[in-house]
Amino acid sequence: MQTVFAVFEVNIGPEKLLIHMNEKLYQVKHQWDTARHSNADYELHLILRGSCELDVEDRLHRLREGQAVIIAPGQYHHSVQRPGEFEHFSVSFSLAEGPLLNLLRSAVPDCRICNVTPDITNLCRGIFYESAAGNPFRREMMHAQLTQLMLSSFRLHIGQIGCNETVFYIYSVNFTYLY
């Protein structure tokens, strides 16, 4: 299967977030066995069903249903899926230099694991649905859902280091789909 990536651009105030997603994400949601590698961008993985083990820089993390992990750029990692039912969601993303990237670097120096809400899980399933459907406006729907997913994930991960709206204010969110 040839991998085709879509890039979604989201402006969060003055900062630009680029989200990279496999166009056929729904076809790989039941597998996550990867060879050891590192990436130039951040990766966000959400475990929607089942469990797996993730090795980040020779530290083993066990991830279970309802958890998310952000892996920082340059961190060598690989995953091993556990036997049984499994479903996971994955995107990579990058940010231009600015306050949000600085907060993210503080919150996620290597990797950060947290529990997710059912709303976030439902967003992932909605993105799976849209990526599989040939519906009109599917990219626009995916864009809106990915934006909400990323902002919710930032709240969970960055919020744990004391960030609040008085420190970082989101001015506006503008959508652009890049082919």
Foldseek 3Di string as FASTA:
>chain_A
DDWDWWWKWKCFAPKIKIKIDTLLQLVCFFDFFDDWDFAQFKKKKAWQAAWKWKAWQNDIDIGHHQKMKIFGGPITMGIGGDPDTTGMGMMTMHMDDDDLVVLVCVLHVGMDMDGHDVVLSVLRVLLSVLSPDPDPCSVVSNNVSVVVNVVRVSCGRSVVVPDDCVNPPGPDMDIDIDD
